[in-house]
Amino acid sequence: MELIRIALIEDDPVIRESLVTYLGAHPAIEISTVADRVEQFLEQVQPASRSLQPDLLLLDIGLPGMTGLEGIRHIRQKCPDMDIVMLTTFEDDDKIFKALCSGACSYITKRTPLNTIQEAVFTIHRGGSYMSPSIARKVVQHFMPKAPKADDILSPRQQQIVQGLVDGLSYKMIADKLSISIDTVRDHIKHIYRALEVNSKAEVIRLSLEKKI
């Protein structure tokens, strides 16, 4: 039977005790190291005894002294083969990507039920990764193609023409103001309609007034 040695760095005694009690009750899990600070964990773990080092670490971010994010680098130096799993209340993009880029393999929110955390532990130990659904969504959104901004769609000249329409200028007045022919204005208008996927001057003006272009 597989045996997973788990370490935990958590400063909240209630959460810490809940995790130790629930996870430690599983016959395939051994809680090997428990600390309330990164510094304490680093003192407890002996780099020379790799066979006795934890397989997986549940690491909080908001800790007294060194934060979990700051500690990842030091932890990895002592335990390079250990999976680091962030278990935290923080869900902002900056902390998520800083943790993952620093070497964490998974990111779980503290709102996650204990049984799901336990399932995640086995998934990670078997070579997988786990993200809480809200975190996974943020990661996916980060890598999704971004919709082009209107400033990127319209050329500077076309933006000037749009402003002319908003100001109530006729095509001829826009042409005179920009020192171009009225046919050039009409040609630009066609491209503007196509780029913005609209069919009328009124729609262009509406998009501009709504700050969408």
N, C-alpha and C. Protein backbone atom coordinates (compact mmCIF):
# COMPACT_ATOMS: atom_id res chain seq x y z
N MET A 1 0.85 -1.20 0.00
CA MET A 1 0.00 0.00 0.00
C MET A 1 0.88 1.25 0.00
N GLU A 2 0.52 2.24 -0.82
CA GLU A 2 1.29 3.47 -0.85
C GLU A 2 1.17 4.21 0.48
N LEU A 3 2.24 4.93 0.84
CA LEU A 3 2.24 5.73 2.05
C LEU A 3 2.69 7.14 1.68
N ILE A 4 1.88 8.11 1.99
CA ILE A 4 2.19 9.50 1.66
C ILE A 4 2.56 10.23 2.95
N ARG A 5 3.79 10.73 2.97
CA ARG A 5 4.24 11.50 4.13
C ARG A 5 3.91 12.98 3.87
N ILE A 6 3.06 13.55 4.71
CA ILE A 6 2.59 14.91 4.51
C ILE A 6 3.16 15.84 5.59
N ALA A 7 3.61 17.01 5.13
CA ALA A 7 4.02 18.08 6.03
C ALA A 7 2.99 19.20 5.93
N LEU A 8 2.89 19.97 6.99
CA LEU A 8 1.89 21.03 7.03
C LEU A 8 2.49 22.27 7.69
N ILE A 9 2.36 23.40 7.01
CA ILE A 9 2.74 24.68 7.61
C ILE A 9 1.48 25.55 7.65
N GLU A 10 0.93 25.71 8.83
CA GLU A 10 -0.33 26.42 9.02
C GLU A 10 -0.32 27.05 10.41
N ASP A 11 -0.59 28.37 10.48
CA ASP A 11 -0.52 29.04 11.78
C ASP A 11 -1.86 29.08 12.52
N ASP A 12 -2.96 28.76 11.83
CA ASP A 12 -4.26 28.74 12.49
C ASP A 12 -4.42 27.39 13.19
N PRO A 13 -4.47 27.36 14.54
CA PRO A 13 -4.51 26.08 15.26
C PRO A 13 -5.74 25.24 14.95
N VAL A 14 -6.88 25.89 14.69
CA VAL A 14 -8.11 25.14 14.39
C VAL A 14 -7.98 24.42 13.05
N ILE A 15 -7.54 25.16 12.03
CA ILE A 15 -7.36 24.56 10.70
C ILE A 15 -6.28 23.49 10.75
N ARG A 16 -5.20 23.79 11.46
CA ARG A 16 -4.09 22.85 11.55
C ARG A 16 -4.54 21.53 12.19
N GLU A 17 -5.28 21.62 13.26
CA GLU A 17 -5.75 20.42 13.96
C GLU A 17 -6.75 19.63 13.11
N SER A 18 -7.60 20.36 12.39
CA SER A 18 -8.58 19.69 11.52
C SER A 18 -7.88 18.88 10.43
N LEU A 19 -6.87 19.48 9.82
CA LEU A 19 -6.14 18.80 8.76
C LEU A 19 -5.37 17.59 9.29
N VAL A 20 -4.70 17.79 10.41
CA VAL A 20 -3.93 16.70 11.01
C VAL A 20 -4.85 15.53 11.38
N THR A 21 -5.98 15.85 12.00
CA THR A 21 -6.91 14.80 12.45
C THR A 21 -7.53 14.07 11.27
N TYR A 22 -8.03 14.82 10.30
CA TYR A 22 -8.74 14.18 9.18
C TYR A 22 -7.79 13.42 8.27
N LEU A 23 -6.73 14.09 7.81
CA LEU A 23 -5.81 13.43 6.88
C LEU A 23 -5.05 12.31 7.57
N GLY A 24 -4.66 12.54 8.83
CA GLY A 24 -3.89 11.53 9.55
C GLY A 24 -4.66 10.27 9.85
N ALA A 25 -5.99 10.34 9.76
CA ALA A 25 -6.81 9.15 10.04
C ALA A 25 -6.78 8.15 8.88
N HIS A 26 -6.34 8.60 7.70
CA HIS A 26 -6.30 7.70 6.55
C HIS A 26 -5.08 6.78 6.68
N PRO A 27 -5.25 5.49 6.47
CA PRO A 27 -4.13 4.54 6.65
C PRO A 27 -2.97 4.75 5.68
N ALA A 28 -3.22 5.43 4.56
CA ALA A 28 -2.15 5.64 3.58
C ALA A 28 -1.46 6.99 3.75
N ILE A 29 -1.83 7.74 4.78
CA ILE A 29 -1.25 9.07 4.99
C ILE A 29 -0.58 9.12 6.37
N GLU A 30 0.62 9.66 6.37
CA GLU A 30 1.34 9.89 7.62
C GLU A 30 1.66 11.39 7.72
N ILE A 31 1.24 12.00 8.79
CA ILE A 31 1.58 13.42 9.02
C ILE A 31 2.96 13.44 9.65
N SER A 32 3.95 13.81 8.87
CA SER A 32 5.33 13.69 9.33
C SER A 32 5.88 14.95 9.99
N THR A 33 5.41 16.11 9.53
CA THR A 33 5.94 17.38 10.05
C THR A 33 4.83 18.39 10.13
N VAL A 34 4.72 19.06 11.27
CA VAL A 34 3.71 20.11 11.44
C VAL A 34 4.41 21.34 12.01
N ALA A 35 4.19 22.48 11.35
CA ALA A 35 4.82 23.72 11.80
C ALA A 35 3.85 24.88 11.61
N ASP A 36 4.06 25.95 12.36
CA ASP A 36 3.20 27.12 12.18
C ASP A 36 3.93 28.26 11.48
N ARG A 37 5.21 28.03 11.15
CA ARG A 37 6.00 29.03 10.43
C ARG A 37 6.94 28.31 9.46
N VAL A 38 7.31 28.99 8.40
CA VAL A 38 8.27 28.41 7.45
C VAL A 38 9.60 28.16 8.14
N GLU A 39 10.02 29.11 8.97
CA GLU A 39 11.30 28.98 9.65
C GLU A 39 11.34 27.73 10.53
N GLN A 40 10.24 27.44 11.20
CA GLN A 40 10.17 26.26 12.05
C GLN A 40 10.27 24.98 11.22
N PHE A 41 9.58 24.97 10.08
CA PHE A 41 9.63 23.81 9.19
C PHE A 41 11.06 23.56 8.70
N LEU A 42 11.76 24.62 8.30
CA LEU A 42 13.12 24.49 7.79
C LEU A 42 14.07 23.96 8.86
N GLU A 43 13.79 24.30 10.10
CA GLU A 43 14.61 23.78 11.20
C GLU A 43 14.35 22.29 11.44
N GLN A 44 13.11 21.86 11.22
CA GLN A 44 12.73 20.47 11.51
C GLN A 44 13.19 19.50 10.43
N VAL A 45 13.20 19.95 9.18
CA VAL A 45 13.52 19.05 8.07
C VAL A 45 15.03 18.95 7.88
N GLN A 46 15.52 17.74 7.80
CA GLN A 46 16.95 17.50 7.62
C GLN A 46 17.23 17.11 6.17
N PRO A 47 17.97 17.96 5.44
CA PRO A 47 18.22 17.67 4.02
C PRO A 47 19.02 16.39 3.80
N ALA A 48 19.79 15.95 4.78
CA ALA A 48 20.61 14.75 4.60
C ALA A 48 19.76 13.48 4.60
N SER A 49 18.58 13.55 5.18
CA SER A 49 17.72 12.35 5.29
C SER A 49 16.58 12.43 4.29
N ARG A 50 16.89 12.35 3.01
CA ARG A 50 15.87 12.51 1.98
C ARG A 50 14.81 11.41 2.03
N SER A 51 15.20 10.24 2.45
CA SER A 51 14.23 9.14 2.50
C SER A 51 13.17 9.39 3.56
N LEU A 52 13.48 10.25 4.53
CA LEU A 52 12.54 10.55 5.60
C LEU A 52 11.83 11.89 5.40
N GLN A 53 12.15 12.58 4.32
CA GLN A 53 11.52 13.86 4.06
C GLN A 53 10.07 13.67 3.61
N PRO A 54 9.24 14.67 3.83
CA PRO A 54 7.84 14.58 3.39
C PRO A 54 7.74 14.44 1.87
N ASP A 55 6.68 13.78 1.44
CA ASP A 55 6.40 13.68 0.00
C ASP A 55 5.67 14.92 -0.50
N LEU A 56 4.89 15.52 0.39
CA LEU A 56 4.01 16.61 -0.02
C LEU A 56 3.86 17.60 1.14
N LEU A 57 3.85 18.86 0.80
CA LEU A 57 3.70 19.92 1.81
C LEU A 57 2.45 20.75 1.52
N LEU A 58 1.61 20.90 2.53
CA LEU A 58 0.48 21.83 2.45
C LEU A 58 0.95 23.13 3.08
N LEU A 59 1.02 24.18 2.27
CA LEU A 59 1.66 25.43 2.69
C LEU A 59 0.69 26.61 2.63
N ASP A 60 0.53 27.28 3.76
CA ASP A 60 -0.27 28.50 3.81
C ASP A 60 0.55 29.66 3.27
N ILE A 61 -0.11 30.75 2.92
CA ILE A 61 0.61 31.95 2.45
C ILE A 61 0.76 32.96 3.58
N GLY A 62 -0.35 33.30 4.24
CA GLY A 62 -0.31 34.31 5.29
C GLY A 62 0.21 33.74 6.60
N LEU A 63 1.53 33.75 6.76
CA LEU A 63 2.15 33.17 7.95
C LEU A 63 2.94 34.23 8.70
N PRO A 64 3.12 34.05 10.01
CA PRO A 64 3.99 34.97 10.74
C PRO A 64 5.44 34.79 10.28
N GLY A 65 6.20 35.87 10.27
CA GLY A 65 7.57 35.78 9.78
C GLY A 65 7.58 35.69 8.27
N MET A 66 8.28 34.73 7.73
CA MET A 66 8.37 34.56 6.28
C MET A 66 7.03 34.07 5.73
N THR A 67 6.54 34.71 4.67
CA THR A 67 5.28 34.26 4.08
C THR A 67 5.49 32.95 3.33
N GLY A 68 4.38 32.28 3.03
CA GLY A 68 4.49 31.05 2.27
C GLY A 68 5.11 31.26 0.91
N LEU A 69 4.78 32.37 0.27
CA LEU A 69 5.35 32.65 -1.05
C LEU A 69 6.86 32.86 -0.96
N GLU A 70 7.28 33.59 0.06
CA GLU A 70 8.72 33.81 0.25
C GLU A 70 9.44 32.52 0.60
N GLY A 71 8.73 31.62 1.28
CA GLY A 71 9.36 30.40 1.74
C GLY A 71 9.54 29.32 0.70
N ILE A 72 8.81 29.41 -0.41
CA ILE A 72 8.88 28.32 -1.41
C ILE A 72 10.30 28.06 -1.85
N ARG A 73 11.04 29.12 -2.15
CA ARG A 73 12.41 28.95 -2.65
C ARG A 73 13.28 28.24 -1.61
N HIS A 74 13.18 28.64 -0.35
CA HIS A 74 13.99 28.03 0.70
C HIS A 74 13.58 26.57 0.95
N ILE A 75 12.27 26.33 0.86
CA ILE A 75 11.77 24.97 1.06
C ILE A 75 12.26 24.04 -0.04
N ARG A 76 12.23 24.53 -1.27
CA ARG A 76 12.65 23.70 -2.40
C ARG A 76 14.15 23.39 -2.33
N GLN A 77 14.92 24.31 -1.77
CA GLN A 77 16.35 24.05 -1.62
C GLN A 77 16.62 22.88 -0.68
N LYS A 78 15.80 22.79 0.37
CA LYS A 78 15.97 21.70 1.33
C LYS A 78 15.26 20.43 0.90
N CYS A 79 14.15 20.58 0.22
CA CYS A 79 13.34 19.41 -0.18
C CYS A 79 12.99 19.51 -1.66
N PRO A 80 13.95 19.31 -2.53
CA PRO A 80 13.72 19.50 -3.98
C PRO A 80 12.72 18.53 -4.60
N ASP A 81 12.53 17.37 -3.98
CA ASP A 81 11.63 16.37 -4.56
C ASP A 81 10.22 16.42 -3.99
N MET A 82 10.00 17.30 -3.04
CA MET A 82 8.70 17.36 -2.38
C MET A 82 7.71 18.21 -3.17
N ASP A 83 6.46 17.75 -3.28
CA ASP A 83 5.41 18.52 -3.93
C ASP A 83 4.92 19.61 -2.96
N ILE A 84 4.90 20.84 -3.44
CA ILE A 84 4.43 21.96 -2.61
C ILE A 84 3.03 22.35 -3.07
N VAL A 85 2.09 22.28 -2.15
CA VAL A 85 0.69 22.59 -2.44
C VAL A 85 0.27 23.79 -1.61
N MET A 86 -0.15 24.86 -2.26
CA MET A 86 -0.63 26.03 -1.52
C MET A 86 -2.03 25.74 -1.01
N LEU A 87 -2.23 25.97 0.28
CA LEU A 87 -3.55 25.81 0.89
C LEU A 87 -3.83 27.11 1.62
N THR A 88 -4.64 27.97 1.03
CA THR A 88 -4.72 29.35 1.50
C THR A 88 -6.08 29.98 1.24
N THR A 89 -6.29 31.13 1.85
CA THR A 89 -7.52 31.90 1.61
C THR A 89 -7.36 32.84 0.43
N PHE A 90 -6.12 33.11 0.04
CA PHE A 90 -5.87 34.09 -1.03
C PHE A 90 -6.23 33.53 -2.40
N GLU A 91 -6.98 34.33 -3.16
CA GLU A 91 -7.39 33.90 -4.50
C GLU A 91 -7.08 34.96 -5.55
N ASP A 92 -6.23 35.93 -5.24
CA ASP A 92 -5.93 36.96 -6.23
C ASP A 92 -4.87 36.46 -7.21
N ASP A 93 -4.96 36.96 -8.43
CA ASP A 93 -4.13 36.47 -9.53
C ASP A 93 -2.64 36.54 -9.21
N ASP A 94 -2.22 37.64 -8.59
CA ASP A 94 -0.80 37.84 -8.34
C ASP A 94 -0.22 36.73 -7.48
N LYS A 95 -0.91 36.37 -6.41
CA LYS A 95 -0.40 35.33 -5.52
C LYS A 95 -0.48 33.95 -6.16
N ILE A 96 -1.53 33.71 -6.92
CA ILE A 96 -1.66 32.41 -7.59
C ILE A 96 -0.47 32.17 -8.52
N PHE A 97 -0.20 33.14 -9.39
CA PHE A 97 0.85 32.92 -10.39
C PHE A 97 2.24 33.02 -9.78
N LYS A 98 2.40 33.82 -8.73
CA LYS A 98 3.69 33.87 -8.06
C LYS A 98 4.00 32.52 -7.42
N ALA A 99 2.99 31.91 -6.81
CA ALA A 99 3.18 30.60 -6.18
C ALA A 99 3.52 29.53 -7.22
N LEU A 100 2.76 29.50 -8.31
CA LEU A 100 2.98 28.49 -9.34
C LEU A 100 4.32 28.68 -10.04
N CYS A 101 4.69 29.93 -10.28
CA CYS A 101 5.97 30.21 -10.95
C CYS A 101 7.15 29.93 -10.02
N SER A 102 6.91 29.98 -8.70
CA SER A 102 8.00 29.74 -7.75
C SER A 102 8.23 28.26 -7.50
N GLY A 103 7.27 27.43 -7.90
CA GLY A 103 7.49 25.99 -7.74
C GLY A 103 6.36 25.21 -7.12
N ALA A 104 5.27 25.87 -6.72
CA ALA A 104 4.12 25.12 -6.21
C ALA A 104 3.47 24.36 -7.37
N CYS A 105 3.01 23.14 -7.09
CA CYS A 105 2.41 22.35 -8.18
C CYS A 105 0.90 22.38 -8.15
N SER A 106 0.32 22.87 -7.06
CA SER A 106 -1.13 22.92 -6.93
C SER A 106 -1.52 24.09 -6.04
N TYR A 107 -2.80 24.48 -6.15
CA TYR A 107 -3.27 25.65 -5.38
C TYR A 107 -4.70 25.37 -4.95
N ILE A 108 -4.90 25.26 -3.64
CA ILE A 108 -6.20 24.89 -3.08
C ILE A 108 -6.67 25.96 -2.10
N THR A 109 -7.92 26.34 -2.18
CA THR A 109 -8.45 27.32 -1.24
C THR A 109 -8.89 26.62 0.04
N LYS A 110 -8.89 27.37 1.13
CA LYS A 110 -9.26 26.79 2.42
C LYS A 110 -10.76 26.53 2.52
N ARG A 111 -11.52 27.01 1.55
CA ARG A 111 -12.95 26.71 1.53
C ARG A 111 -13.22 25.29 1.03
N THR A 112 -12.18 24.62 0.58
CA THR A 112 -12.31 23.27 0.03
C THR A 112 -12.61 22.27 1.15
N PRO A 113 -13.60 21.39 0.98
CA PRO A 113 -13.91 20.38 2.01
C PRO A 113 -12.71 19.47 2.27
N LEU A 114 -12.61 18.96 3.48
CA LEU A 114 -11.48 18.11 3.86
C LEU A 114 -11.38 16.86 2.99
N ASN A 115 -12.53 16.28 2.64
CA ASN A 115 -12.47 15.07 1.81
C ASN A 115 -11.92 15.37 0.42
N THR A 116 -12.20 16.58 -0.09
CA THR A 116 -11.66 16.96 -1.40
C THR A 116 -10.16 17.22 -1.30
N ILE A 117 -9.73 17.83 -0.21
CA ILE A 117 -8.30 18.04 0.00
C ILE A 117 -7.58 16.69 0.05
N GLN A 118 -8.20 15.73 0.72
CA GLN A 118 -7.61 14.39 0.79
C GLN A 118 -7.50 13.76 -0.60
N GLU A 119 -8.56 13.88 -1.40
CA GLU A 119 -8.53 13.35 -2.76
C GLU A 119 -7.44 14.05 -3.58
N ALA A 120 -7.29 15.36 -3.37
CA ALA A 120 -6.26 16.12 -4.08
C ALA A 120 -4.87 15.62 -3.72
N VAL A 121 -4.66 15.29 -2.45
CA VAL A 121 -3.37 14.78 -1.99
C VAL A 121 -2.98 13.53 -2.76
N PHE A 122 -3.92 12.61 -2.93
CA PHE A 122 -3.63 11.37 -3.67
C PHE A 122 -3.38 11.66 -5.15
N THR A 123 -4.17 12.57 -5.71
CA THR A 123 -3.98 12.94 -7.13
C THR A 123 -2.59 13.51 -7.36
N ILE A 124 -2.18 14.42 -6.48
CA ILE A 124 -0.87 15.07 -6.61
C ILE A 124 0.25 14.05 -6.40
N HIS A 125 0.11 13.20 -5.40
CA HIS A 125 1.16 12.21 -5.10
C HIS A 125 1.35 11.24 -6.26
N ARG A 126 0.29 11.01 -7.01
CA ARG A 126 0.37 10.08 -8.15
C ARG A 126 0.80 10.76 -9.44
N GLY A 127 1.26 12.00 -9.31
CA GLY A 127 1.82 12.69 -10.47
C GLY A 127 0.93 13.73 -11.10
N GLY A 128 -0.25 13.93 -10.54
CA GLY A 128 -1.16 14.92 -11.10
C GLY A 128 -1.02 16.28 -10.43
N SER A 129 -1.99 17.11 -10.65
CA SER A 129 -2.02 18.44 -10.03
C SER A 129 -3.48 18.72 -9.68
N TYR A 130 -3.67 19.68 -8.77
CA TYR A 130 -5.04 20.01 -8.40
C TYR A 130 -5.17 21.51 -8.19
N MET A 131 -6.21 22.08 -8.75
CA MET A 131 -6.56 23.48 -8.54
C MET A 131 -8.01 23.54 -8.09
N SER A 132 -8.29 24.33 -7.07
CA SER A 132 -9.68 24.58 -6.73
C SER A 132 -10.37 25.16 -7.95
N PRO A 133 -11.64 24.84 -8.19
CA PRO A 133 -12.33 25.33 -9.40
C PRO A 133 -12.17 26.83 -9.64
N SER A 134 -12.28 27.64 -8.60
CA SER A 134 -12.17 29.10 -8.79
C SER A 134 -10.76 29.48 -9.23
N ILE A 135 -9.75 28.73 -8.74
CA ILE A 135 -8.37 29.00 -9.12
C ILE A 135 -8.12 28.53 -10.55
N ALA A 136 -8.62 27.34 -10.88
CA ALA A 136 -8.46 26.81 -12.23
C ALA A 136 -9.06 27.77 -13.25
N ARG A 137 -10.19 28.37 -12.91
CA ARG A 137 -10.84 29.32 -13.81
C ARG A 137 -9.94 30.52 -14.08
N LYS A 138 -9.30 31.02 -13.03
CA LYS A 138 -8.40 32.16 -13.19
C LYS A 138 -7.20 31.80 -14.06
N VAL A 139 -6.68 30.60 -13.86
CA VAL A 139 -5.53 30.16 -14.66
C VAL A 139 -5.92 30.03 -16.13
N VAL A 140 -7.09 29.44 -16.39
CA VAL A 140 -7.56 29.28 -17.77
C VAL A 140 -7.79 30.64 -18.41
N GLN A 141 -8.42 31.56 -17.68
CA GLN A 141 -8.69 32.89 -18.21
C GLN A 141 -7.40 33.63 -18.54
N HIS A 142 -6.37 33.38 -17.73
CA HIS A 142 -5.09 34.05 -17.96
C HIS A 142 -4.51 33.66 -19.31
N PHE A 143 -4.71 32.41 -19.71
CA PHE A 143 -4.12 31.92 -20.96
C PHE A 143 -5.07 31.97 -22.16
N MET A 144 -6.32 32.37 -21.91
CA MET A 144 -7.25 32.49 -23.03
C MET A 144 -6.86 33.67 -23.91
N PRO A 145 -7.08 33.56 -25.24
CA PRO A 145 -6.81 34.70 -26.11
C PRO A 145 -7.63 35.90 -25.69
N LYS A 146 -6.98 37.02 -25.60
CA LYS A 146 -7.66 38.24 -25.18
C LYS A 146 -8.38 38.88 -26.37
N ALA A 147 -9.59 39.34 -26.12
CA ALA A 147 -10.33 40.04 -27.17
C ALA A 147 -9.59 41.33 -27.52
N PRO A 148 -9.38 41.59 -28.80
CA PRO A 148 -8.66 42.81 -29.17
C PRO A 148 -9.41 44.06 -28.75
N LYS A 149 -8.69 45.06 -28.29
CA LYS A 149 -9.30 46.33 -27.92
C LYS A 149 -9.63 47.11 -29.19
N ALA A 150 -10.59 48.00 -29.06
CA ALA A 150 -10.98 48.79 -30.23
C ALA A 150 -9.81 49.63 -30.73
N ASP A 151 -8.96 50.07 -29.80
CA ASP A 151 -7.79 50.85 -30.20
C ASP A 151 -6.87 50.05 -31.11
N ASP A 152 -6.89 48.71 -30.92
CA ASP A 152 -6.07 47.84 -31.76
C ASP A 152 -6.78 47.55 -33.09
N ILE A 153 -8.12 47.61 -33.08
CA ILE A 153 -8.88 47.31 -34.29
C ILE A 153 -8.86 48.48 -35.26
N LEU A 154 -9.06 49.68 -34.75
CA LEU A 154 -9.15 50.87 -35.59
C LEU A 154 -7.81 51.58 -35.69
N SER A 155 -7.51 52.05 -36.88
CA SER A 155 -6.28 52.82 -37.07
C SER A 155 -6.47 54.21 -36.46
N PRO A 156 -5.38 54.93 -36.23
CA PRO A 156 -5.50 56.30 -35.70
C PRO A 156 -6.42 57.18 -36.55
N ARG A 157 -6.33 57.04 -37.88
CA ARG A 157 -7.18 57.84 -38.77
C ARG A 157 -8.65 57.46 -38.58
N GLN A 158 -8.91 56.15 -38.47
CA GLN A 158 -10.29 55.71 -38.27
C GLN A 158 -10.84 56.19 -36.93
N GLN A 159 -10.00 56.24 -35.92
CA GLN A 159 -10.42 56.77 -34.62
C GLN A 159 -10.77 58.25 -34.73
N GLN A 160 -10.03 58.98 -35.56
CA GLN A 160 -10.33 60.40 -35.78
C GLN A 160 -11.69 60.56 -36.47
N ILE A 161 -11.97 59.66 -37.41
CA ILE A 161 -13.25 59.72 -38.11
C ILE A 161 -14.40 59.40 -37.16
N VAL A 162 -14.19 58.39 -36.30
CA VAL A 162 -15.21 58.07 -35.31
C VAL A 162 -15.48 59.29 -34.43
N GLN A 163 -14.44 59.99 -34.01
CA GLN A 163 -14.63 61.17 -33.17
C GLN A 163 -15.40 62.25 -33.92
N GLY A 164 -15.14 62.34 -35.22
CA GLY A 164 -15.88 63.30 -36.04
C GLY A 164 -17.37 62.98 -36.06
N LEU A 165 -17.70 61.67 -36.17
CA LEU A 165 -19.10 61.25 -36.16
C LEU A 165 -19.74 61.59 -34.81
N VAL A 166 -19.01 61.34 -33.72
CA VAL A 166 -19.51 61.65 -32.39
C VAL A 166 -19.76 63.14 -32.23
N ASP A 167 -18.90 63.95 -32.86
CA ASP A 167 -19.03 65.41 -32.77
C ASP A 167 -20.14 65.95 -33.67
N GLY A 168 -20.79 65.05 -34.42
CA GLY A 168 -21.90 65.46 -35.27
C GLY A 168 -21.50 66.01 -36.62
N LEU A 169 -20.26 65.75 -37.04
CA LEU A 169 -19.79 66.26 -38.32
C LEU A 169 -20.29 65.38 -39.47
N SER A 170 -20.55 66.03 -40.60
CA SER A 170 -20.92 65.29 -41.81
C SER A 170 -19.66 64.69 -42.42
N TYR A 171 -19.85 63.78 -43.40
CA TYR A 171 -18.69 63.19 -44.05
C TYR A 171 -17.82 64.27 -44.69
N LYS A 172 -18.46 65.27 -45.30
CA LYS A 172 -17.69 66.33 -45.95
C LYS A 172 -16.92 67.17 -44.93
N MET A 173 -17.55 67.44 -43.79
CA MET A 173 -16.87 68.22 -42.75
C MET A 173 -15.68 67.44 -42.18
N ILE A 174 -15.85 66.12 -42.03
CA ILE A 174 -14.74 65.29 -41.56
C ILE A 174 -13.61 65.31 -42.57
N ALA A 175 -13.99 65.19 -43.86
CA ALA A 175 -12.97 65.21 -44.92
C ALA A 175 -12.20 66.52 -44.90
N ASP A 176 -12.91 67.64 -44.79
CA ASP A 176 -12.24 68.95 -44.76
C ASP A 176 -11.35 69.08 -43.53
N LYS A 177 -11.83 68.60 -42.39
CA LYS A 177 -11.06 68.73 -41.15
C LYS A 177 -9.78 67.91 -41.21
N LEU A 178 -9.84 66.74 -41.83
CA LEU A 178 -8.68 65.85 -41.88
C LEU A 178 -7.87 66.00 -43.17
N SER A 179 -8.34 66.90 -44.06
CA SER A 179 -7.65 67.15 -45.34
C SER A 179 -7.55 65.88 -46.18
N ILE A 180 -8.65 65.17 -46.25
CA ILE A 180 -8.73 63.99 -47.10
C ILE A 180 -10.01 64.11 -47.93
N SER A 181 -10.14 63.24 -48.93
CA SER A 181 -11.33 63.32 -49.79
C SER A 181 -12.51 62.67 -49.10
N ILE A 182 -13.71 63.03 -49.55
CA ILE A 182 -14.92 62.45 -48.96
C ILE A 182 -15.01 60.96 -49.30
N ASP A 183 -14.46 60.57 -50.46
CA ASP A 183 -14.44 59.14 -50.81
C ASP A 183 -13.56 58.35 -49.84
N THR A 184 -12.47 58.97 -49.41
CA THR A 184 -11.58 58.32 -48.44
C THR A 184 -12.30 58.15 -47.11
N VAL A 185 -13.10 59.16 -46.73
CA VAL A 185 -13.88 59.07 -45.50
C VAL A 185 -14.86 57.91 -45.59
N ARG A 186 -15.57 57.83 -46.75
CA ARG A 186 -16.54 56.75 -46.93
C ARG A 186 -15.85 55.38 -46.87
N ASP A 187 -14.66 55.29 -47.45
CA ASP A 187 -13.92 54.03 -47.43
C ASP A 187 -13.55 53.63 -46.00
N HIS A 188 -13.11 54.62 -45.23
CA HIS A 188 -12.79 54.37 -43.83
C HIS A 188 -14.03 53.94 -43.05
N ILE A 189 -15.16 54.58 -43.34
CA ILE A 189 -16.40 54.25 -42.64
C ILE A 189 -16.76 52.79 -42.87
N LYS A 190 -16.60 52.30 -44.11
CA LYS A 190 -16.88 50.90 -44.41
C LYS A 190 -16.00 49.97 -43.57
N HIS A 191 -14.71 50.32 -43.46
CA HIS A 191 -13.79 49.51 -42.68
C HIS A 191 -14.15 49.55 -41.20
N ILE A 192 -14.59 50.71 -40.72
CA ILE A 192 -14.99 50.86 -39.32
C ILE A 192 -16.20 49.96 -39.01
N TYR A 193 -17.20 50.00 -39.91
CA TYR A 193 -18.38 49.16 -39.74
C TYR A 193 -17.99 47.69 -39.67
N ARG A 194 -17.10 47.29 -40.59
CA ARG A 194 -16.70 45.89 -40.66
C ARG A 194 -15.91 45.49 -39.40
N ALA A 195 -15.00 46.35 -38.96
CA ALA A 195 -14.17 46.05 -37.80
C ALA A 195 -14.99 45.96 -36.52
N LEU A 196 -15.98 46.84 -36.40
CA LEU A 196 -16.79 46.89 -35.18
C LEU A 196 -18.02 45.99 -35.26
N GLU A 197 -18.24 45.41 -36.44
CA GLU A 197 -19.40 44.54 -36.68
C GLU A 197 -20.70 45.29 -36.41
N VAL A 198 -20.82 46.48 -37.01
CA VAL A 198 -22.04 47.29 -36.90
C VAL A 198 -22.49 47.64 -38.32
N ASN A 199 -23.68 48.25 -38.39
CA ASN A 199 -24.23 48.55 -39.71
C ASN A 199 -24.68 50.00 -39.86
N SER A 200 -24.42 50.82 -38.85
CA SER A 200 -24.88 52.20 -38.96
C SER A 200 -23.99 53.15 -38.17
N LYS A 201 -24.07 54.42 -38.57
CA LYS A 201 -23.33 55.47 -37.89
C LYS A 201 -23.78 55.58 -36.43
N ALA A 202 -25.08 55.38 -36.20
CA ALA A 202 -25.62 55.49 -34.85
C ALA A 202 -24.98 54.46 -33.92
N GLU A 203 -24.74 53.24 -34.43
CA GLU A 203 -24.13 52.20 -33.61
C GLU A 203 -22.69 52.54 -33.28
N VAL A 204 -21.98 53.13 -34.24
CA VAL A 204 -20.60 53.56 -33.99
C VAL A 204 -20.57 54.61 -32.89
N ILE A 205 -21.49 55.59 -32.99
CA ILE A 205 -21.55 56.66 -31.99
C ILE A 205 -21.90 56.09 -30.61
N ARG A 206 -22.82 55.13 -30.59
CA ARG A 206 -23.22 54.53 -29.32
C ARG A 206 -22.03 53.80 -28.65
N LEU A 207 -21.30 53.04 -29.44
CA LEU A 207 -20.13 52.34 -28.90
C LEU A 207 -19.10 53.29 -28.34
N SER A 208 -18.94 54.43 -29.05
CA SER A 208 -17.98 55.42 -28.58
C SER A 208 -18.43 56.07 -27.29
N LEU A 209 -19.70 56.41 -27.21
CA LEU A 209 -20.23 57.05 -26.00
C LEU A 209 -20.21 56.11 -24.81
N GLU A 210 -20.31 54.80 -25.09
CA GLU A 210 -20.26 53.80 -24.01
C GLU A 210 -18.82 53.40 -23.67
N LYS A 211 -17.86 54.11 -24.26
CA LYS A 211 -16.43 53.90 -24.00
C LYS A 211 -15.98 52.51 -24.42
N LYS A 212 -16.66 51.93 -25.42
CA LYS A 212 -16.27 50.61 -25.90
C LYS A 212 -15.30 50.70 -27.07
N ILE A 213 -15.14 51.90 -27.58
CA ILE A 213 -14.12 52.16 -28.59
C ILE A 213 -13.44 53.48 -28.28
